[in-house]
């Protein structure tokens, strides 16, 4: 997909878990993405593992981009109103 980061190696992305989002949100996003892929016939028995990884990567990318946009709109403040320290 154009504009998406290559997430094949998790070492390319270094994000502190606490600075991103609650892992449950990523899980829920990934399951919805995967369900859509199944529902549109894009998942086969042969590509199931890679499809799961793709759904997870997309969910993480969405979380990072959402966090970046929210951070920009909030002036660098976290959910509690204090500045992020990084």
N, C-alpha and C. Protein backbone atom coordinates (compact mmCIF):
# COMPACT_ATOMS: atom_id res chain seq x y z
N UNK A 1 0.84 -1.18 0.00
CA UNK A 1 0.00 0.00 0.00
C UNK A 1 0.88 1.24 0.00
N UNK A 2 0.53 2.18 -0.82
CA UNK A 2 1.30 3.42 -0.91
C UNK A 2 1.14 4.21 0.38
N UNK A 3 2.23 4.77 0.85
CA UNK A 3 2.20 5.60 2.04
C UNK A 3 2.33 4.85 3.35
N UNK A 4 2.30 3.54 3.32
CA UNK A 4 2.44 2.77 4.55
C UNK A 4 3.90 2.41 4.74
N UNK A 5 4.36 2.41 5.97
CA UNK A 5 5.74 2.04 6.27
C UNK A 5 5.94 0.56 6.06
N UNK A 6 7.16 0.18 5.67
CA UNK A 6 7.50 -1.23 5.58
C UNK A 6 7.65 -1.74 7.00
N UNK A 7 6.73 -2.58 7.42
CA UNK A 7 6.74 -3.05 8.79
C UNK A 7 7.20 -4.49 8.88
N UNK A 8 7.87 -4.99 7.83
CA UNK A 8 8.29 -6.38 7.84
C UNK A 8 9.32 -6.66 8.93
N UNK A 9 10.06 -5.66 9.34
CA UNK A 9 11.02 -5.82 10.42
C UNK A 9 10.63 -4.86 11.54
N UNK A 10 10.25 -5.42 12.67
CA UNK A 10 9.79 -4.57 13.77
C UNK A 10 10.91 -3.69 14.32
N UNK A 11 12.17 -4.01 13.98
CA UNK A 11 13.26 -3.16 14.44
C UNK A 11 13.23 -1.80 13.76
N UNK A 12 12.51 -1.68 12.66
CA UNK A 12 12.41 -0.40 11.97
C UNK A 12 11.56 0.59 12.73
N UNK A 13 10.78 0.10 13.66
CA UNK A 13 9.87 0.99 14.37
C UNK A 13 10.13 0.87 15.86
N UNK A 14 10.49 1.96 16.46
CA UNK A 14 10.78 1.98 17.89
C UNK A 14 9.82 2.97 18.55
N UNK A 15 8.76 2.45 19.10
CA UNK A 15 7.77 3.29 19.77
C UNK A 15 7.54 2.72 21.15
N UNK A 16 7.67 3.56 22.15
CA UNK A 16 7.40 3.10 23.51
C UNK A 16 5.92 2.76 23.62
N UNK A 17 5.62 1.59 24.16
CA UNK A 17 4.22 1.14 24.24
C UNK A 17 3.35 2.16 24.96
N UNK A 18 3.87 2.76 25.99
CA UNK A 18 3.06 3.71 26.76
C UNK A 18 2.79 4.99 25.98
N UNK A 19 3.62 5.31 25.00
CA UNK A 19 3.43 6.51 24.21
C UNK A 19 2.52 6.28 23.01
N UNK A 20 2.24 5.06 22.69
CA UNK A 20 1.42 4.76 21.53
C UNK A 20 -0.05 4.75 21.94
N UNK A 21 -0.60 3.61 22.12
CA UNK A 21 -1.99 3.46 22.54
C UNK A 21 -2.11 2.19 23.36
N UNK A 22 -3.25 1.98 23.93
CA UNK A 22 -3.49 0.74 24.68
C UNK A 22 -3.44 -0.42 23.68
N UNK A 23 -2.67 -1.48 23.98
CA UNK A 23 -2.57 -2.61 23.05
C UNK A 23 -3.93 -3.18 22.63
N UNK A 24 -4.93 -3.09 23.50
CA UNK A 24 -6.27 -3.58 23.16
C UNK A 24 -6.82 -2.87 21.94
N UNK A 25 -6.54 -1.59 21.80
CA UNK A 25 -7.03 -0.83 20.65
C UNK A 25 -6.40 -1.38 19.37
N UNK A 26 -5.11 -1.68 19.42
CA UNK A 26 -4.43 -2.25 18.25
C UNK A 26 -5.01 -3.62 17.94
N UNK A 27 -5.24 -4.42 18.96
CA UNK A 27 -5.84 -5.76 18.76
C UNK A 27 -7.21 -5.64 18.10
N UNK A 28 -8.04 -4.76 18.61
CA UNK A 28 -9.38 -4.59 18.04
C UNK A 28 -9.32 -4.11 16.59
N UNK A 29 -8.42 -3.17 16.31
CA UNK A 29 -8.26 -2.69 14.94
C UNK A 29 -7.79 -3.80 14.03
N UNK A 30 -6.81 -4.56 14.49
CA UNK A 30 -6.27 -5.66 13.67
C UNK A 30 -7.33 -6.70 13.38
N UNK A 31 -8.17 -7.02 14.37
CA UNK A 31 -9.21 -8.02 14.13
C UNK A 31 -10.25 -7.52 13.14
N UNK A 32 -10.56 -6.23 13.20
CA UNK A 32 -11.52 -5.67 12.23
C UNK A 32 -10.92 -5.64 10.82
N UNK A 33 -9.66 -5.29 10.73
CA UNK A 33 -8.99 -5.28 9.42
C UNK A 33 -8.95 -6.70 8.85
N UNK A 34 -8.57 -7.67 9.70
CA UNK A 34 -8.50 -9.05 9.24
C UNK A 34 -9.88 -9.57 8.84
N UNK A 35 -10.91 -9.24 9.62
CA UNK A 35 -12.27 -9.68 9.29
C UNK A 35 -12.70 -9.12 7.94
N UNK A 36 -12.33 -7.88 7.67
CA UNK A 36 -12.65 -7.29 6.36
C UNK A 36 -11.92 -8.04 5.25
N UNK A 37 -10.67 -8.37 5.48
CA UNK A 37 -9.90 -9.11 4.48
C UNK A 37 -10.54 -10.48 4.21
N UNK A 38 -11.00 -11.14 5.27
CA UNK A 38 -11.67 -12.43 5.11
C UNK A 38 -12.98 -12.24 4.35
N UNK A 39 -13.75 -11.24 4.76
CA UNK A 39 -15.05 -10.98 4.15
C UNK A 39 -14.99 -10.61 2.68
N UNK A 40 -13.87 -10.06 2.25
CA UNK A 40 -13.73 -9.68 0.85
C UNK A 40 -12.98 -10.74 0.04
N UNK A 41 -12.73 -11.89 0.68
CA UNK A 41 -12.11 -13.01 -0.02
C UNK A 41 -10.62 -12.89 -0.26
N UNK A 42 -9.96 -12.01 0.47
CA UNK A 42 -8.52 -11.81 0.28
C UNK A 42 -7.66 -12.78 1.09
N UNK A 43 -8.28 -13.52 2.00
CA UNK A 43 -7.53 -14.46 2.85
C UNK A 43 -7.83 -15.88 2.38
N UNK A 44 -6.76 -16.60 2.13
CA UNK A 44 -6.86 -18.01 1.77
C UNK A 44 -6.10 -18.81 2.81
N UNK A 45 -6.24 -20.11 2.76
CA UNK A 45 -5.49 -20.95 3.69
C UNK A 45 -3.99 -20.75 3.49
N UNK A 46 -3.60 -20.52 2.26
CA UNK A 46 -2.18 -20.36 1.92
C UNK A 46 -1.59 -19.05 2.45
N UNK A 47 -2.38 -17.96 2.45
CA UNK A 47 -1.82 -16.67 2.84
C UNK A 47 -2.33 -16.18 4.20
N UNK A 48 -2.94 -17.05 4.97
CA UNK A 48 -3.55 -16.63 6.24
C UNK A 48 -2.55 -16.00 7.19
N UNK A 49 -1.39 -16.62 7.39
CA UNK A 49 -0.39 -16.07 8.33
C UNK A 49 0.10 -14.70 7.89
N UNK A 50 0.38 -14.54 6.60
CA UNK A 50 0.84 -13.23 6.13
C UNK A 50 -0.28 -12.20 6.19
N UNK A 51 -1.53 -12.63 6.01
CA UNK A 51 -2.67 -11.72 6.11
C UNK A 51 -2.85 -11.23 7.55
N UNK A 52 -2.65 -12.13 8.51
CA UNK A 52 -2.73 -11.73 9.92
C UNK A 52 -1.65 -10.70 10.22
N UNK A 53 -0.42 -10.96 9.77
CA UNK A 53 0.68 -10.03 10.01
C UNK A 53 0.40 -8.69 9.34
N UNK A 54 -0.16 -8.71 8.14
CA UNK A 54 -0.49 -7.48 7.44
C UNK A 54 -1.54 -6.68 8.22
N UNK A 55 -2.55 -7.36 8.76
CA UNK A 55 -3.59 -6.69 9.53
C UNK A 55 -3.00 -6.04 10.79
N UNK A 56 -2.10 -6.76 11.46
CA UNK A 56 -1.45 -6.20 12.65
C UNK A 56 -0.61 -5.00 12.28
N UNK A 57 0.18 -5.12 11.22
CA UNK A 57 1.02 -4.00 10.79
C UNK A 57 0.19 -2.78 10.45
N UNK A 58 -0.93 -2.99 9.77
CA UNK A 58 -1.80 -1.88 9.41
C UNK A 58 -2.39 -1.24 10.67
N UNK A 59 -2.78 -2.05 11.65
CA UNK A 59 -3.34 -1.52 12.89
C UNK A 59 -2.31 -0.69 13.65
N UNK A 60 -1.08 -1.18 13.70
CA UNK A 60 -0.01 -0.43 14.37
C UNK A 60 0.25 0.88 13.64
N UNK A 61 0.31 0.83 12.32
CA UNK A 61 0.53 2.04 11.52
C UNK A 61 -0.59 3.05 11.74
N UNK A 62 -1.83 2.58 11.79
CA UNK A 62 -2.96 3.47 12.05
C UNK A 62 -2.83 4.11 13.43
N UNK A 63 -2.42 3.32 14.41
CA UNK A 63 -2.26 3.84 15.77
C UNK A 63 -1.17 4.90 15.83
N UNK A 64 -0.06 4.64 15.15
CA UNK A 64 1.05 5.61 15.14
C UNK A 64 0.63 6.90 14.46
N UNK A 65 -0.02 6.79 13.32
CA UNK A 65 -0.44 7.98 12.58
C UNK A 65 -1.51 8.75 13.37
N UNK A 66 -2.43 8.04 13.99
CA UNK A 66 -3.45 8.70 14.81
C UNK A 66 -2.80 9.43 15.98
N UNK A 67 -1.84 8.77 16.64
CA UNK A 67 -1.14 9.39 17.75
C UNK A 67 -0.39 10.64 17.29
N UNK A 68 0.23 10.57 16.11
CA UNK A 68 0.96 11.72 15.57
C UNK A 68 0.01 12.89 15.32
N UNK A 69 -1.14 12.62 14.73
CA UNK A 69 -2.10 13.68 14.42
C UNK A 69 -2.69 14.26 15.70
N UNK A 70 -3.06 13.40 16.64
CA UNK A 70 -3.61 13.88 17.91
C UNK A 70 -2.56 14.67 18.66
N UNK A 71 -1.31 14.20 18.65
CA UNK A 71 -0.22 14.89 19.32
C UNK A 71 -0.02 16.28 18.72
N UNK A 72 -0.05 16.37 17.39
CA UNK A 72 0.12 17.65 16.71
C UNK A 72 -1.02 18.60 17.07
N UNK A 73 -2.24 18.08 17.07
CA UNK A 73 -3.42 18.89 17.37
C UNK A 73 -3.47 19.32 18.82
N UNK A 74 -2.85 18.53 19.72
CA UNK A 74 -2.89 18.84 21.14
C UNK A 74 -1.67 19.64 21.59
N UNK A 75 -0.79 19.99 20.66
CA UNK A 75 0.40 20.75 21.03
C UNK A 75 1.42 19.94 21.79
N UNK A 76 1.44 18.62 21.57
CA UNK A 76 2.42 17.77 22.23
C UNK A 76 2.02 17.32 23.62
N UNK A 77 0.77 17.54 23.98
CA UNK A 77 0.30 17.13 25.31
C UNK A 77 -0.28 15.73 25.24
N UNK A 78 -0.11 14.98 26.31
CA UNK A 78 -0.65 13.62 26.36
C UNK A 78 -2.10 13.65 26.81
N UNK A 79 -2.68 12.47 27.08
CA UNK A 79 -4.08 12.36 27.47
C UNK A 79 -4.38 13.09 28.77
N UNK A 80 -3.36 13.32 29.60
CA UNK A 80 -3.57 13.91 30.92
C UNK A 80 -3.24 15.39 30.94
N UNK A 81 -2.89 15.97 29.78
CA UNK A 81 -2.64 17.40 29.70
C UNK A 81 -1.21 17.82 29.93
N UNK A 82 -0.31 16.88 30.24
CA UNK A 82 1.08 17.25 30.46
C UNK A 82 1.90 16.97 29.20
N UNK A 83 3.01 17.69 29.05
CA UNK A 83 3.88 17.51 27.89
C UNK A 83 4.52 16.15 27.90
N UNK A 84 4.67 15.55 26.70
CA UNK A 84 5.37 14.28 26.59
C UNK A 84 6.86 14.53 26.77
N UNK A 85 7.52 13.59 27.40
CA UNK A 85 8.96 13.71 27.66
C UNK A 85 9.73 12.76 26.77
N UNK A 86 10.02 13.16 25.53
CA UNK A 86 10.90 12.40 24.66
C UNK A 86 11.47 13.28 23.61
